[in-house]
N, C-alpha and C. Protein backbone atom coordinates (compact mmCIF):
# COMPACT_ATOMS: atom_id res chain seq x y z
N MET A 1 -16.19 4.42 -11.81
CA MET A 1 -16.13 3.76 -10.56
C MET A 1 -14.66 3.27 -10.29
N THR A 2 -14.20 3.52 -9.11
CA THR A 2 -12.89 3.09 -8.72
C THR A 2 -12.81 1.53 -8.60
N THR A 3 -11.64 0.89 -9.05
CA THR A 3 -11.58 -0.50 -8.91
C THR A 3 -10.47 -0.86 -7.98
N CYS A 4 -10.75 -1.96 -7.14
CA CYS A 4 -9.80 -2.38 -6.21
C CYS A 4 -9.62 -3.83 -6.48
N LEU A 5 -8.40 -4.35 -6.44
CA LEU A 5 -8.09 -5.77 -6.58
C LEU A 5 -7.66 -6.32 -5.24
N LEU A 6 -8.33 -7.40 -4.79
CA LEU A 6 -7.99 -8.10 -3.65
C LEU A 6 -7.34 -9.39 -3.93
N VAL A 7 -6.17 -9.70 -3.57
CA VAL A 7 -5.52 -10.94 -3.86
C VAL A 7 -5.52 -11.72 -2.54
N SER A 8 -6.47 -12.68 -2.44
CA SER A 8 -6.65 -13.55 -1.21
C SER A 8 -7.29 -14.75 -1.57
N SER A 9 -7.07 -15.81 -0.88
CA SER A 9 -7.83 -17.03 -1.07
C SER A 9 -8.75 -17.34 0.18
N ASP A 10 -8.79 -16.47 1.11
CA ASP A 10 -9.66 -16.49 2.25
C ASP A 10 -11.05 -16.01 1.80
N LEU A 11 -12.02 -16.94 1.67
CA LEU A 11 -13.26 -16.66 1.17
C LEU A 11 -14.15 -15.77 2.20
N ILE A 12 -14.01 -16.04 3.40
CA ILE A 12 -14.72 -15.31 4.46
C ILE A 12 -14.22 -13.91 4.51
N PHE A 13 -12.94 -13.65 4.60
CA PHE A 13 -12.25 -12.34 4.76
C PHE A 13 -12.44 -11.62 3.44
N SER A 14 -12.42 -12.24 2.33
CA SER A 14 -12.61 -11.55 1.04
C SER A 14 -14.03 -11.06 0.96
N SER A 15 -15.12 -11.84 1.49
CA SER A 15 -16.43 -11.39 1.59
C SER A 15 -16.52 -10.01 2.34
N ARG A 16 -15.93 -10.09 3.44
CA ARG A 16 -15.88 -8.87 4.33
C ARG A 16 -15.40 -7.66 3.73
N ILE A 17 -14.22 -7.84 2.86
CA ILE A 17 -13.69 -6.75 2.20
C ILE A 17 -14.52 -6.30 1.08
N GLN A 18 -15.20 -7.27 0.25
CA GLN A 18 -16.03 -6.89 -0.74
C GLN A 18 -17.27 -6.07 -0.22
N GLN A 19 -17.73 -6.42 0.92
CA GLN A 19 -18.84 -5.70 1.49
C GLN A 19 -18.45 -4.25 1.86
N ALA A 20 -17.20 -4.05 2.39
CA ALA A 20 -16.72 -2.73 2.61
C ALA A 20 -16.53 -1.95 1.42
N ALA A 21 -16.07 -2.61 0.35
CA ALA A 21 -15.85 -1.91 -0.95
C ALA A 21 -17.18 -1.47 -1.47
N ASN A 22 -18.18 -2.33 -1.43
CA ASN A 22 -19.50 -1.97 -1.94
C ASN A 22 -20.05 -0.74 -1.26
N HIS A 23 -19.85 -0.75 0.02
CA HIS A 23 -20.28 0.41 0.91
C HIS A 23 -19.57 1.71 0.50
N ALA A 24 -18.36 1.58 0.12
CA ALA A 24 -17.60 2.73 -0.33
C ALA A 24 -17.72 3.05 -1.75
N ALA A 25 -18.57 2.32 -2.58
CA ALA A 25 -18.81 2.56 -3.89
C ALA A 25 -17.53 2.13 -4.75
N VAL A 26 -16.89 1.23 -4.37
CA VAL A 26 -15.65 0.75 -5.02
C VAL A 26 -15.91 -0.63 -5.47
N GLU A 27 -15.57 -0.86 -6.85
CA GLU A 27 -15.69 -2.17 -7.32
C GLU A 27 -14.51 -3.04 -6.87
N CYS A 28 -14.79 -4.15 -6.27
CA CYS A 28 -13.75 -5.04 -5.64
C CYS A 28 -13.72 -6.37 -6.57
N VAL A 29 -12.54 -6.56 -7.16
CA VAL A 29 -12.36 -7.84 -7.89
C VAL A 29 -11.41 -8.71 -7.05
N VAL A 30 -11.70 -9.96 -6.98
CA VAL A 30 -10.92 -10.87 -6.12
C VAL A 30 -10.23 -11.83 -6.91
N ALA A 31 -8.98 -11.89 -6.63
CA ALA A 31 -8.16 -13.01 -7.27
C ALA A 31 -7.68 -13.95 -6.23
N ARG A 32 -7.74 -15.15 -6.42
CA ARG A 32 -7.47 -16.19 -5.50
C ARG A 32 -5.97 -16.66 -5.53
N ASP A 33 -5.35 -16.37 -6.57
CA ASP A 33 -3.90 -16.72 -6.67
C ASP A 33 -3.18 -15.74 -7.64
N GLU A 34 -1.84 -15.89 -7.80
CA GLU A 34 -1.03 -15.08 -8.53
C GLU A 34 -1.53 -14.99 -9.98
N ALA A 35 -1.86 -16.08 -10.57
CA ALA A 35 -2.29 -16.15 -12.07
C ALA A 35 -3.56 -15.38 -12.24
N ALA A 36 -4.48 -15.59 -11.39
CA ALA A 36 -5.82 -14.79 -11.39
C ALA A 36 -5.48 -13.33 -11.22
N MET A 37 -4.53 -12.93 -10.35
CA MET A 37 -4.19 -11.53 -10.14
C MET A 37 -3.66 -10.95 -11.41
N CYS A 38 -2.71 -11.72 -12.05
CA CYS A 38 -2.13 -11.13 -13.29
C CYS A 38 -3.25 -10.90 -14.26
N ALA A 39 -4.16 -11.75 -14.47
CA ALA A 39 -5.26 -11.56 -15.37
C ALA A 39 -6.11 -10.40 -15.03
N ALA A 40 -6.31 -10.28 -13.81
CA ALA A 40 -7.22 -9.06 -13.30
C ALA A 40 -6.54 -7.73 -13.40
N LEU A 41 -5.21 -7.70 -13.57
CA LEU A 41 -4.50 -6.35 -13.76
C LEU A 41 -4.87 -5.68 -14.92
N VAL A 42 -5.47 -6.32 -15.87
CA VAL A 42 -5.84 -5.65 -17.11
C VAL A 42 -7.06 -4.53 -16.80
N ARG A 43 -7.61 -4.74 -15.61
CA ARG A 43 -8.74 -3.87 -15.23
C ARG A 43 -8.21 -2.51 -14.72
N SER A 44 -6.87 -2.45 -14.56
CA SER A 44 -6.19 -1.27 -14.02
C SER A 44 -6.71 -0.80 -12.68
N PRO A 45 -6.77 -1.60 -11.65
CA PRO A 45 -7.22 -1.24 -10.33
C PRO A 45 -6.21 -0.16 -9.85
N SER A 46 -6.81 0.79 -9.15
CA SER A 46 -6.03 1.83 -8.48
C SER A 46 -5.46 1.36 -7.09
N LEU A 47 -6.05 0.39 -6.50
CA LEU A 47 -5.72 -0.06 -5.27
C LEU A 47 -5.62 -1.58 -5.32
N ILE A 48 -4.53 -2.16 -4.88
CA ILE A 48 -4.29 -3.55 -4.80
C ILE A 48 -4.08 -3.94 -3.43
N LEU A 49 -4.95 -4.91 -2.89
CA LEU A 49 -4.80 -5.44 -1.53
C LEU A 49 -4.30 -6.90 -1.58
N VAL A 50 -3.14 -7.12 -0.80
CA VAL A 50 -2.47 -8.41 -0.89
C VAL A 50 -2.60 -9.06 0.49
N ASP A 51 -3.23 -10.16 0.64
CA ASP A 51 -3.30 -10.94 1.88
C ASP A 51 -2.14 -11.82 1.98
N LEU A 52 -1.15 -11.34 2.79
CA LEU A 52 0.15 -12.10 2.92
C LEU A 52 -0.01 -13.46 3.46
N GLN A 53 -0.89 -13.69 4.39
CA GLN A 53 -1.09 -14.99 4.98
C GLN A 53 -1.63 -16.03 4.05
N THR A 54 -2.52 -15.68 3.20
CA THR A 54 -3.05 -16.77 2.28
C THR A 54 -2.19 -16.80 0.97
N MET A 55 -1.46 -15.80 0.66
CA MET A 55 -0.63 -15.93 -0.49
C MET A 55 0.73 -16.59 -0.14
N GLY A 56 1.08 -16.55 1.01
CA GLY A 56 2.33 -17.24 1.46
C GLY A 56 3.55 -16.88 0.69
N GLU A 57 4.14 -17.95 0.10
CA GLU A 57 5.39 -17.82 -0.53
C GLU A 57 5.38 -16.97 -1.80
N THR A 58 4.22 -16.86 -2.44
CA THR A 58 3.97 -16.09 -3.68
C THR A 58 3.77 -14.63 -3.33
N SER A 59 3.67 -14.28 -2.21
CA SER A 59 3.32 -12.82 -1.88
C SER A 59 4.33 -11.84 -2.47
N SER A 60 5.65 -12.17 -2.42
CA SER A 60 6.67 -11.23 -3.00
C SER A 60 6.49 -11.13 -4.45
N SER A 61 6.42 -12.32 -5.15
CA SER A 61 6.36 -12.27 -6.55
C SER A 61 5.00 -11.58 -7.04
N SER A 62 3.98 -11.83 -6.27
CA SER A 62 2.63 -11.19 -6.65
C SER A 62 2.78 -9.67 -6.48
N ILE A 63 3.44 -9.13 -5.41
CA ILE A 63 3.61 -7.71 -5.38
C ILE A 63 4.48 -7.09 -6.38
N GLN A 64 5.58 -7.83 -6.72
CA GLN A 64 6.49 -7.41 -7.76
C GLN A 64 5.81 -7.32 -9.10
N ALA A 65 4.96 -8.43 -9.45
CA ALA A 65 4.31 -8.43 -10.70
C ALA A 65 3.27 -7.36 -10.76
N ALA A 66 2.55 -7.01 -9.78
CA ALA A 66 1.65 -5.90 -9.66
C ALA A 66 2.24 -4.59 -9.90
N ARG A 67 3.33 -4.43 -9.15
CA ARG A 67 4.14 -3.16 -9.21
C ARG A 67 4.58 -2.94 -10.64
N LYS A 68 5.09 -3.90 -11.35
CA LYS A 68 5.60 -3.92 -12.67
C LYS A 68 4.46 -3.52 -13.60
N ALA A 69 3.41 -4.13 -13.50
CA ALA A 69 2.30 -3.98 -14.40
C ALA A 69 1.58 -2.66 -14.17
N LEU A 70 1.41 -2.20 -13.03
CA LEU A 70 0.70 -1.02 -12.63
C LEU A 70 1.56 -0.21 -11.69
N PRO A 71 2.63 0.59 -12.23
CA PRO A 71 3.54 1.26 -11.23
C PRO A 71 2.88 2.39 -10.43
N ASP A 72 1.69 2.93 -10.97
CA ASP A 72 1.01 3.97 -10.18
C ASP A 72 -0.04 3.44 -9.19
N ALA A 73 -0.39 2.12 -9.19
CA ALA A 73 -1.34 1.64 -8.38
C ALA A 73 -0.76 1.58 -6.91
N ARG A 74 -1.70 1.81 -5.92
CA ARG A 74 -1.30 1.74 -4.52
C ARG A 74 -1.40 0.26 -4.07
N ILE A 75 -0.31 -0.30 -3.46
CA ILE A 75 -0.39 -1.67 -3.06
C ILE A 75 -0.32 -1.70 -1.58
N VAL A 76 -1.21 -2.27 -0.96
CA VAL A 76 -1.33 -2.51 0.46
C VAL A 76 -1.35 -3.91 0.73
N ALA A 77 -0.28 -4.40 1.54
CA ALA A 77 -0.15 -5.75 1.92
C ALA A 77 -0.45 -5.84 3.43
N PHE A 78 -1.15 -6.93 3.79
CA PHE A 78 -1.47 -7.12 5.26
C PHE A 78 -1.35 -8.63 5.62
N GLY A 79 -0.90 -8.82 6.82
CA GLY A 79 -0.83 -10.16 7.43
C GLY A 79 -0.74 -10.16 8.86
N PRO A 80 -0.54 -11.31 9.34
CA PRO A 80 -0.44 -11.53 10.85
C PRO A 80 0.66 -10.74 11.45
N HIS A 81 0.48 -10.06 12.56
CA HIS A 81 1.49 -9.26 13.24
C HIS A 81 2.67 -10.08 13.73
N VAL A 82 2.40 -11.40 14.00
CA VAL A 82 3.49 -12.30 14.40
C VAL A 82 4.36 -12.79 13.29
N GLN A 83 4.09 -12.51 12.06
CA GLN A 83 4.94 -12.88 10.96
C GLN A 83 5.61 -11.61 10.46
N ALA A 84 6.42 -11.04 11.24
CA ALA A 84 7.24 -9.79 10.90
C ALA A 84 8.05 -9.96 9.70
N ASP A 85 8.66 -11.18 9.54
CA ASP A 85 9.49 -11.39 8.33
C ASP A 85 8.66 -11.31 7.10
N LEU A 86 7.47 -11.82 7.13
CA LEU A 86 6.62 -11.72 5.83
C LEU A 86 6.11 -10.35 5.59
N LEU A 87 5.95 -9.58 6.63
CA LEU A 87 5.58 -8.13 6.43
C LEU A 87 6.79 -7.41 5.87
N ALA A 88 8.02 -7.67 6.41
CA ALA A 88 9.18 -6.96 5.88
C ALA A 88 9.39 -7.31 4.40
N VAL A 89 9.20 -8.55 4.03
CA VAL A 89 9.44 -8.97 2.58
C VAL A 89 8.44 -8.32 1.73
N ALA A 90 7.25 -8.08 2.17
CA ALA A 90 6.24 -7.36 1.36
C ALA A 90 6.70 -5.88 1.11
N LYS A 91 7.18 -5.28 2.05
CA LYS A 91 7.80 -3.92 1.90
C LYS A 91 8.87 -3.87 0.92
N GLN A 92 9.82 -4.89 1.08
CA GLN A 92 10.99 -4.88 0.09
C GLN A 92 10.50 -5.24 -1.25
N ALA A 93 9.43 -5.94 -1.43
CA ALA A 93 8.94 -6.37 -2.73
C ALA A 93 8.24 -5.19 -3.48
N GLY A 94 7.92 -4.13 -2.73
CA GLY A 94 7.28 -2.92 -3.40
C GLY A 94 6.02 -2.50 -2.95
N ALA A 95 5.50 -3.10 -1.80
CA ALA A 95 4.23 -2.58 -1.37
C ALA A 95 4.38 -1.17 -0.76
N ASP A 96 3.39 -0.39 -1.02
CA ASP A 96 3.40 1.00 -0.48
C ASP A 96 3.12 1.00 0.99
N LEU A 97 2.31 0.18 1.44
CA LEU A 97 1.88 0.16 2.85
C LEU A 97 1.79 -1.30 3.24
N VAL A 98 2.39 -1.62 4.39
CA VAL A 98 2.29 -3.01 4.99
C VAL A 98 1.75 -2.88 6.37
N LEU A 99 0.61 -3.61 6.54
CA LEU A 99 0.05 -3.53 7.86
C LEU A 99 -0.28 -4.81 8.60
N PRO A 100 -0.29 -4.95 9.84
CA PRO A 100 -0.81 -6.13 10.45
C PRO A 100 -2.19 -6.19 10.15
N ARG A 101 -2.76 -7.42 10.07
CA ARG A 101 -4.20 -7.65 9.69
C ARG A 101 -5.21 -6.87 10.62
N SER A 102 -4.89 -6.70 11.92
CA SER A 102 -5.74 -5.90 12.79
C SER A 102 -5.86 -4.45 12.35
N ALA A 103 -4.70 -3.86 12.04
CA ALA A 103 -4.68 -2.43 11.69
C ALA A 103 -5.33 -2.26 10.30
N PHE A 104 -5.08 -3.29 9.42
CA PHE A 104 -5.74 -3.28 8.03
C PHE A 104 -7.30 -3.19 8.20
N VAL A 105 -7.93 -3.99 9.03
CA VAL A 105 -9.33 -4.05 9.26
C VAL A 105 -9.79 -2.66 9.75
N GLN A 106 -9.01 -2.15 10.70
CA GLN A 106 -9.44 -0.80 11.23
C GLN A 106 -9.40 0.30 10.16
N GLN A 107 -8.45 0.18 9.29
CA GLN A 107 -8.22 1.30 8.27
C GLN A 107 -8.85 0.97 6.92
N LEU A 108 -9.63 -0.14 6.76
CA LEU A 108 -10.08 -0.56 5.56
C LEU A 108 -10.94 0.49 4.83
N GLN A 109 -11.85 1.13 5.50
CA GLN A 109 -12.72 2.01 4.81
C GLN A 109 -11.93 3.23 4.34
N ALA A 110 -10.93 3.75 5.09
CA ALA A 110 -10.20 4.89 4.73
C ALA A 110 -9.30 4.49 3.52
N LEU A 111 -8.77 3.27 3.45
CA LEU A 111 -8.01 2.82 2.34
C LEU A 111 -8.77 2.79 1.09
N LEU A 112 -9.96 2.36 1.16
CA LEU A 112 -10.83 2.26 -0.03
C LEU A 112 -11.16 3.54 -0.63
N ILE A 113 -11.31 4.62 0.15
CA ILE A 113 -11.79 5.87 -0.43
C ILE A 113 -10.62 6.91 -0.61
N GLU A 114 -9.38 6.46 -0.36
CA GLU A 114 -8.23 7.31 -0.68
C GLU A 114 -7.97 7.42 -2.07
């Protein structure tokens, strides 16, 4: 089974993503902070989803740590479209794909099965 790691402290949105992952037959592990994310990286997820809004200032270091630990994993970061600076920082930190939250929601099923 494919494993996805979601890095987010938003319980409601995390639940929504977990439901989509279950529907796509993807195991979804949720990490609420960077320390939990680092611990979950041992499961070698092929997809890492980073919620930039809830991770805030640690978004960049979380993405860098994930990239260093799992260079072949696909990292998708998402956040509010009004925070263009945060989206740009995520791309510079090593995210493969950076999306506004609305586009992320629309593309979620496709991202999970790629």
